[in-house]
Amino acid sequence: MWRIWRLYDPLRAMVVQGIFLFSLAAMIHLVLLSTDKFNWLDGPHAKPAATQNAPMPQGVPK
């Protein structure tokens, strides 16, 4: 394991890892906020009001 750290600077590796993990967490949160089910800020969006359908046609008289 110590040979790996001779190839890479530990401080730079931790900074890059922190930036990567923060950007991954931000992306996951933004994806969840864009969905209707998991948006914890606005809640579920209001469903459009149901339109009144025309009545069913009468059966054919015999």
PDB file of N, CA and C in Angstrom:
ATOM      1  N   MET A   1       0.828  -1.199   0.000  1.00  0.00           N
ATOM      2  CA  MET A   1       0.000   0.000   0.000  1.00  0.00           C
ATOM      3  C   MET A   1       0.868   1.258   0.000  1.00  0.00           C
ATOM      4  N   TRP A   2       1.986   1.190   0.676  1.00  0.00           N
ATOM      5  CA  TRP A   2       2.824   2.377   0.770  1.00  0.00           C
ATOM      6  C   TRP A   2       3.428   2.739  -0.577  1.00  0.00           C
ATOM      7  N   ARG A   3       3.533   1.752  -1.494  1.00  0.00           N
ATOM      8  CA  ARG A   3       4.077   2.049  -2.828  1.00  0.00           C
ATOM      9  C   ARG A   3       3.110   2.898  -3.649  1.00  0.00           C
ATOM     10  N   ILE A   4       1.811   2.707  -3.404  1.00  0.00           N
ATOM     11  CA  ILE A   4       0.817   3.519  -4.112  1.00  0.00           C
ATOM     12  C   ILE A   4       0.976   4.987  -3.723  1.00  0.00           C
ATOM     13  N   TRP A   5       1.181   5.253  -2.434  1.00  0.00           N
ATOM     14  CA  TRP A   5       1.298   6.637  -1.980  1.00  0.00           C
ATOM     15  C   TRP A   5       2.622   7.265  -2.394  1.00  0.00           C
ATOM     16  N   ARG A   6       3.582   6.453  -2.825  1.00  0.00           N
ATOM     17  CA  ARG A   6       4.804   7.030  -3.396  1.00  0.00           C
ATOM     18  C   ARG A   6       4.538   7.546  -4.798  1.00  0.00           C
ATOM     19  N   LEU A   7       3.520   6.979  -5.488  1.00  0.00           N
ATOM     20  CA  LEU A   7       3.175   7.431  -6.841  1.00  0.00           C
ATOM     21  C   LEU A   7       2.287   8.666  -6.815  1.00  0.00           C
ATOM     22  N   TYR A   8       1.389   8.761  -5.821  1.00  0.00           N
ATOM     23  CA  TYR A   8       0.417   9.849  -5.751  1.00  0.00           C
ATOM     24  C   TYR A   8       0.635  10.665  -4.488  1.00  0.00           C
ATOM     25  N   ASP A   9       0.422  11.970  -4.615  1.00  0.00           N
ATOM     26  CA  ASP A   9       0.484  12.845  -3.453  1.00  0.00           C
ATOM     27  C   ASP A   9      -0.783  12.620  -2.620  1.00  0.00           C
ATOM     28  N   PRO A  10      -0.667  12.241  -1.341  1.00  0.00           N
ATOM     29  CA  PRO A  10      -1.867  11.938  -0.541  1.00  0.00           C
ATOM     30  C   PRO A  10      -2.811  13.131  -0.400  1.00  0.00           C
ATOM     31  N   LEU A  11      -2.275  14.318  -0.232  1.00  0.00           N
ATOM     32  CA  LEU A  11      -3.141  15.491  -0.080  1.00  0.00           C
ATOM     33  C   LEU A  11      -3.925  15.744  -1.353  1.00  0.00           C
ATOM     34  N   ARG A  12      -3.263  15.670  -2.494  1.00  0.00           N
ATOM     35  CA  ARG A  12      -3.953  15.903  -3.760  1.00  0.00           C
ATOM     36  C   ARG A  12      -4.996  14.812  -4.000  1.00  0.00           C
ATOM     37  N   ALA A  13      -4.687  13.568  -3.651  1.00  0.00           N
ATOM     38  CA  ALA A  13      -5.636  12.469  -3.833  1.00  0.00           C
ATOM     39  C   ALA A  13      -6.875  12.671  -2.960  1.00  0.00           C
ATOM     40  N   MET A  14      -6.690  13.119  -1.723  1.00  0.00           N
ATOM     41  CA  MET A  14      -7.847  13.344  -0.842  1.00  0.00           C
ATOM     42  C   MET A  14      -8.682  14.530  -1.302  1.00  0.00           C
ATOM     43  N   VAL A  15      -8.036  15.571  -1.818  1.00  0.00           N
ATOM     44  CA  VAL A  15      -8.785  16.729  -2.320  1.00  0.00           C
ATOM     45  C   VAL A  15      -9.599  16.334  -3.549  1.00  0.00           C
ATOM     46  N   VAL A  16      -9.003  15.589  -4.459  1.00  0.00           N
ATOM     47  CA  VAL A  16      -9.729  15.142  -5.655  1.00  0.00           C
ATOM     48  C   VAL A  16     -10.877  14.220  -5.267  1.00  0.00           C
ATOM     49  N   GLN A  17     -10.642  13.329  -4.309  1.00  0.00           N
ATOM     50  CA  GLN A  17     -11.704  12.436  -3.859  1.00  0.00           C
ATOM     51  C   GLN A  17     -12.838  13.227  -3.205  1.00  0.00           C
ATOM     52  N   GLY A  18     -12.514  14.226  -2.412  1.00  0.00           N
ATOM     53  CA  GLY A  18     -13.551  15.055  -1.783  1.00  0.00           C
ATOM     54  C   GLY A  18     -14.369  15.812  -2.802  1.00  0.00           C
ATOM     55  N   ILE A  19     -13.708  16.368  -3.820  1.00  0.00           N
ATOM     56  CA  ILE A  19     -14.434  17.093  -4.867  1.00  0.00           C
ATOM     57  C   ILE A  19     -15.334  16.141  -5.643  1.00  0.00           C
ATOM     58  N   PHE A  20     -14.818  14.953  -5.947  1.00  0.00           N
ATOM     59  CA  PHE A  20     -15.621  13.971  -6.669  1.00  0.00           C
ATOM     60  C   PHE A  20     -16.848  13.545  -5.856  1.00  0.00           C
ATOM     61  N   LEU A  21     -16.658  13.245  -4.581  1.00  0.00           N
ATOM     62  CA  LEU A  21     -17.781  12.792  -3.756  1.00  0.00           C
ATOM     63  C   LEU A  21     -18.809  13.902  -3.549  1.00  0.00           C
ATOM     64  N   PHE A  22     -18.360  15.153  -3.392  1.00  0.00           N
ATOM     65  CA  PHE A  22     -19.300  16.257  -3.242  1.00  0.00           C
ATOM     66  C   PHE A  22     -20.108  16.459  -4.520  1.00  0.00           C
ATOM     67  N   SER A  23     -19.448  16.397  -5.678  1.00  0.00           N
ATOM     68  CA  SER A  23     -20.186  16.576  -6.930  1.00  0.00           C
ATOM     69  C   SER A  23     -21.143  15.415  -7.174  1.00  0.00           C
ATOM     70  N   LEU A  24     -20.763  14.194  -6.792  1.00  0.00           N
ATOM     71  CA  LEU A  24     -21.660  13.053  -6.931  1.00  0.00           C
ATOM     72  C   LEU A  24     -22.888  13.203  -6.030  1.00  0.00           C
ATOM     73  N   ALA A  25     -22.684  13.642  -4.793  1.00  0.00           N
ATOM     74  CA  ALA A  25     -23.813  13.846  -3.874  1.00  0.00           C
ATOM     75  C   ALA A  25     -24.731  14.957  -4.372  1.00  0.00           C
ATOM     76  N   ALA A  26     -24.150  16.041  -4.889  1.00  0.00           N
ATOM     77  CA  ALA A  26     -24.972  17.135  -5.409  1.00  0.00           C
ATOM     78  C   ALA A  26     -25.787  16.677  -6.613  1.00  0.00           C
ATOM     79  N   MET A  27     -25.181  15.888  -7.489  1.00  0.00           N
ATOM     80  CA  MET A  27     -25.899  15.397  -8.661  1.00  0.00           C
ATOM     81  C   MET A  27     -27.049  14.478  -8.249  1.00  0.00           C
ATOM     82  N   ILE A  28     -26.824  13.592  -7.283  1.00  0.00           N
ATOM     83  CA  ILE A  28     -27.887  12.695  -6.827  1.00  0.00           C
ATOM     84  C   ILE A  28     -29.032  13.494  -6.212  1.00  0.00           C
ATOM     85  N   HIS A  29     -28.717  14.503  -5.413  1.00  0.00           N
ATOM     86  CA  HIS A  29     -29.771  15.314  -4.795  1.00  0.00           C
ATOM     87  C   HIS A  29     -30.559  16.086  -5.848  1.00  0.00           C
ATOM     88  N   LEU A  30     -29.893  16.616  -6.855  1.00  0.00           N
ATOM     89  CA  LEU A  30     -30.613  17.354  -7.891  1.00  0.00           C
ATOM     90  C   LEU A  30     -31.499  16.436  -8.724  1.00  0.00           C
ATOM     91  N   VAL A  31     -31.038  15.230  -8.978  1.00  0.00           N
ATOM     92  CA  VAL A  31     -31.877  14.276  -9.705  1.00  0.00           C
ATOM     93  C   VAL A  31     -33.111  13.928  -8.881  1.00  0.00           C
ATOM     94  N   LEU A  32     -32.931  13.708  -7.585  1.00  0.00           N
ATOM     95  CA  LEU A  32     -34.086  13.391  -6.741  1.00  0.00           C
ATOM     96  C   LEU A  32     -35.036  14.571  -6.621  1.00  0.00           C
ATOM     97  N   LEU A  33     -34.508  15.795  -6.585  1.00  0.00           N
ATOM     98  CA  LEU A  33     -35.385  16.961  -6.502  1.00  0.00           C
ATOM     99  C   LEU A  33     -36.170  17.177  -7.785  1.00  0.00           C
ATOM    100  N   SER A  34     -35.698  16.646  -8.897  1.00  0.00           N
ATOM    101  CA  SER A  34     -36.417  16.831 -10.150  1.00  0.00           C
ATOM    102  C   SER A  34     -37.552  15.827 -10.320  1.00  0.00           C
ATOM    103  N   THR A  35     -37.631  14.812  -9.445  1.00  0.00           N
ATOM    104  CA  THR A  35     -38.710  13.837  -9.555  1.00  0.00           C
ATOM    105  C   THR A  35     -39.914  14.287  -8.733  1.00  0.00           C
ATOM    106  N   ASP A  36     -41.060  13.764  -9.087  1.00  0.00           N
ATOM    107  CA  ASP A  36     -42.287  14.126  -8.378  1.00  0.00           C
ATOM    108  C   ASP A  36     -42.382  13.388  -7.041  1.00  0.00           C
ATOM    109  N   LYS A  37     -41.895  12.166  -6.992  1.00  0.00           N
ATOM    110  CA  LYS A  37     -42.056  11.346  -5.790  1.00  0.00           C
ATOM    111  C   LYS A  37     -41.091  11.753  -4.679  1.00  0.00           C
ATOM    112  N   PHE A  38     -39.863  12.127  -5.011  1.00  0.00           N
ATOM    113  CA  PHE A  38     -38.840  12.361  -4.011  1.00  0.00           C
ATOM    114  C   PHE A  38     -38.489  13.841  -3.825  1.00  0.00           C
ATOM    115  N   ASN A  39     -39.323  14.765  -4.283  1.00  0.00           N
ATOM    116  CA  ASN A  39     -39.055  16.191  -4.094  1.00  0.00           C
ATOM    117  C   ASN A  39     -39.509  16.579  -2.693  1.00  0.00           C
ATOM    118  N   TRP A  40     -38.574  16.733  -1.772  1.00  0.00           N
ATOM    119  CA  TRP A  40     -38.915  17.011  -0.377  1.00  0.00           C
ATOM    120  C   TRP A  40     -39.091  18.491  -0.104  1.00  0.00           C
ATOM    121  N   LEU A  41     -38.773  19.354  -1.069  1.00  0.00           N
ATOM    122  CA  LEU A  41     -38.940  20.789  -0.856  1.00  0.00           C
ATOM    123  C   LEU A  41     -40.342  21.256  -1.250  1.00  0.00           C
ATOM    124  N   ASP A  42     -40.769  20.922  -2.461  1.00  0.00           N
ATOM    125  CA  ASP A  42     -42.080  21.368  -2.943  1.00  0.00           C
ATOM    126  C   ASP A  42     -43.179  20.358  -2.658  1.00  0.00           C
ATOM    127  N   GLY A  43     -42.835  19.129  -2.418  1.00  0.00           N
ATOM    128  CA  GLY A  43     -43.840  18.091  -2.258  1.00  0.00           C
ATOM    129  C   GLY A  43     -44.348  17.655  -3.622  1.00  0.00           C
ATOM    130  N   PRO A  44     -45.280  16.731  -3.646  1.00  0.00           N
ATOM    131  CA  PRO A  44     -45.808  16.292  -4.937  1.00  0.00           C
ATOM    132  C   PRO A  44     -46.541  17.433  -5.637  1.00  0.00           C
ATOM    133  N   HIS A  45     -46.350  17.502  -6.927  1.00  0.00           N
ATOM    134  CA  HIS A  45     -47.031  18.545  -7.696  1.00  0.00           C
ATOM    135  C   HIS A  45     -48.522  18.234  -7.765  1.00  0.00           C
ATOM    136  N   ALA A  46     -49.332  19.292  -7.808  1.00  0.00           N
ATOM    137  CA  ALA A  46     -50.777  19.111  -7.858  1.00  0.00           C
ATOM    138  C   ALA A  46     -51.157  18.473  -9.188  1.00  0.00           C
ATOM    139  N   LYS A  47     -52.016  17.505  -9.116  1.00  0.00           N
ATOM    140  CA  LYS A  47     -52.486  16.841 -10.329  1.00  0.00           C
ATOM    141  C   LYS A  47     -53.482  17.766 -11.026  1.00  0.00           C
ATOM    142  N   PRO A  48     -53.500  17.767 -12.347  1.00  0.00           N
ATOM    143  CA  PRO A  48     -54.482  18.604 -13.041  1.00  0.00           C
ATOM    144  C   PRO A  48     -55.899  18.115 -12.748  1.00  0.00           C
ATOM    145  N   ALA A  49     -56.812  19.059 -12.702  1.00  0.00           N
ATOM    146  CA  ALA A  49     -58.204  18.714 -12.404  1.00  0.00           C
ATOM    147  C   ALA A  49     -58.748  17.791 -13.489  1.00  0.00           C
ATOM    148  N   ALA A  50     -59.510  16.803 -13.058  1.00  0.00           N
ATOM    149  CA  ALA A  50     -60.079  15.850 -14.010  1.00  0.00           C
ATOM    150  C   ALA A  50     -61.145  16.551 -14.846  1.00  0.00           C
ATOM    151  N   THR A  51     -61.092  16.339 -16.136  1.00  0.00           N
ATOM    152  CA  THR A  51     -62.100  16.942 -17.015  1.00  0.00           C
ATOM    153  C   THR A  51     -63.323  16.049 -17.045  1.00  0.00           C
ATOM    154  N   GLN A  52     -64.465  16.663 -17.234  1.00  0.00           N
ATOM    155  CA  GLN A  52     -65.710  15.904 -17.250  1.00  0.00           C
ATOM    156  C   GLN A  52     -65.858  15.251 -18.613  1.00  0.00           C
ATOM    157  N   ASN A  53     -65.997  13.954 -18.600  1.00  0.00           N
ATOM    158  CA  ASN A  53     -66.144  13.215 -19.856  1.00  0.00           C
ATOM    159  C   ASN A  53     -67.598  13.251 -20.312  1.00  0.00           C
ATOM    160  N   ALA A  54     -67.776  13.039 -21.606  1.00  0.00           N
ATOM    161  CA  ALA A  54     -69.131  12.968 -22.152  1.00  0.00           C
ATOM    162  C   ALA A  54     -69.800  11.695 -21.617  1.00  0.00           C
ATOM    163  N   PRO A  55     -71.124  11.720 -21.452  1.00  0.00           N
ATOM    164  CA  PRO A  55     -71.808  10.529 -20.938  1.00  0.00           C
ATOM    165  C   PRO A  55     -71.705   9.370 -21.925  1.00  0.00           C
ATOM    166  N   MET A  56     -71.820   8.178 -21.389  1.00  0.00           N
ATOM    167  CA  MET A  56     -71.764   6.988 -22.234  1.00  0.00           C
ATOM    168  C   MET A  56     -72.962   6.970 -23.178  1.00  0.00           C
ATOM    169  N   PRO A  57     -72.777   6.545 -24.407  1.00  0.00           N
ATOM    170  CA  PRO A  57     -73.928   6.503 -25.333  1.00  0.00           C
ATOM    171  C   PRO A  57     -74.916   5.412 -24.898  1.00  0.00           C
ATOM    172  N   GLN A  58     -76.158   5.647 -25.239  1.00  0.00           N
ATOM    173  CA  GLN A  58     -77.206   4.692 -24.892  1.00  0.00           C
ATOM    174  C   GLN A  58     -77.036   3.416 -25.719  1.00  0.00           C
ATOM    175  N   GLY A  59     -77.486   2.315 -25.171  1.00  0.00           N
ATOM    176  CA  GLY A  59     -77.419   1.043 -25.890  1.00  0.00           C
ATOM    177  C   GLY A  59     -78.336   1.039 -27.111  1.00  0.00           C
ATOM    178  N   VAL A  60     -78.062   0.182 -28.027  1.00  0.00           N
ATOM    179  CA  VAL A  60     -78.881   0.076 -29.231  1.00  0.00           C
ATOM    180  C   VAL A  60     -80.229  -0.547 -28.840  1.00  0.00           C
ATOM    181  N   PRO A  61     -81.379   0.151 -29.172  1.00  0.00           N
ATOM    182  CA  PRO A  61     -82.695  -0.415 -28.826  1.00  0.00           C
ATOM    183  C   PRO A  61     -83.000  -1.656 -29.659  1.00  0.00           C
ATOM    184  N   LYS A  62     -83.702  -2.596 -29.063  1.00  0.00           N
ATOM    185  CA  LYS A  62     -84.042  -3.833 -29.773  1.00  0.00           C
ATOM    186  C   LYS A  62     -85.397  -3.759 -30.406  1.00  0.00           C
TER     187      LYS A  62
END
